[in-house]
Amino acid sequence: MSGVIGTVNRVLLGLAGLVLVCVGSGVLAAATGLSVPSWWPWSGKNDVLLSEADRERWRSDGWWWPTVIAVLAVIVVLALWWLLAQLRRARLSEVLVDSGDGEGALLRGRALEGVLAAEAGGLDGVARAQVVLTGKRSAPQARIRLLMEPHAAPDEALGRLSDEALAHARDSAGLARLPAEVRLRAVKHRAERVS
């Protein structure tokens, strides 16, 4: 899915850039008094985008405004989809494991996430762990969220996570490295009374 989004992103950015450069160059040429093609809608500094006649041409037709609104609504929905696609990080569906025979094997990303989350969640002071793998099949990266118990020592939990859970995942998948971004959050709890 991330390859499709990347391709669509590059094509849309390329087209948008090309259109903006062409329109901007034409407007700049017309504003500075350079010659523009006869079909170009603006020919001088005092030209407007839509004349009064252009604005009122289709007003009497019943289909005009619903069509304009529908087209603009589709453009807004596509722009929002594009924006959300940029903000969402793609989840890695497979990890390429070196099987030693030169062929390699594919490990489901969710399986590795589950094992890593279970081992990280079993660490002392960790109430719950969530793991998401991102990146490329041959070079995955882990995003880990740890929900910490009130008595937990974050430095110890991070050390054990790095030395145990991440090391086991890296070794079992045959990866040279497994970079991780870890976010810690404390469990909400009531203050303890001391008597």
Foldseek 3Di string as FASTA:
>chain_A
DLVVLVVVVVVVVVVVVVVCVVVVVQVVCQAVQHDDDPPDQGRYNPDDPADPCRVCVCVVPPVPPVVVVVVVVVVVVVVVVNVVSVVDADFDQWAWACPPPPPTDIDGSVVLQVQLFVVLCPDPFFPGKGWTWGDDNQAIEIEMETAGEPPDDVVVSVVCSVVPSLVVSCVVRVHPHYHYHYHYHYDDDDDDDDD
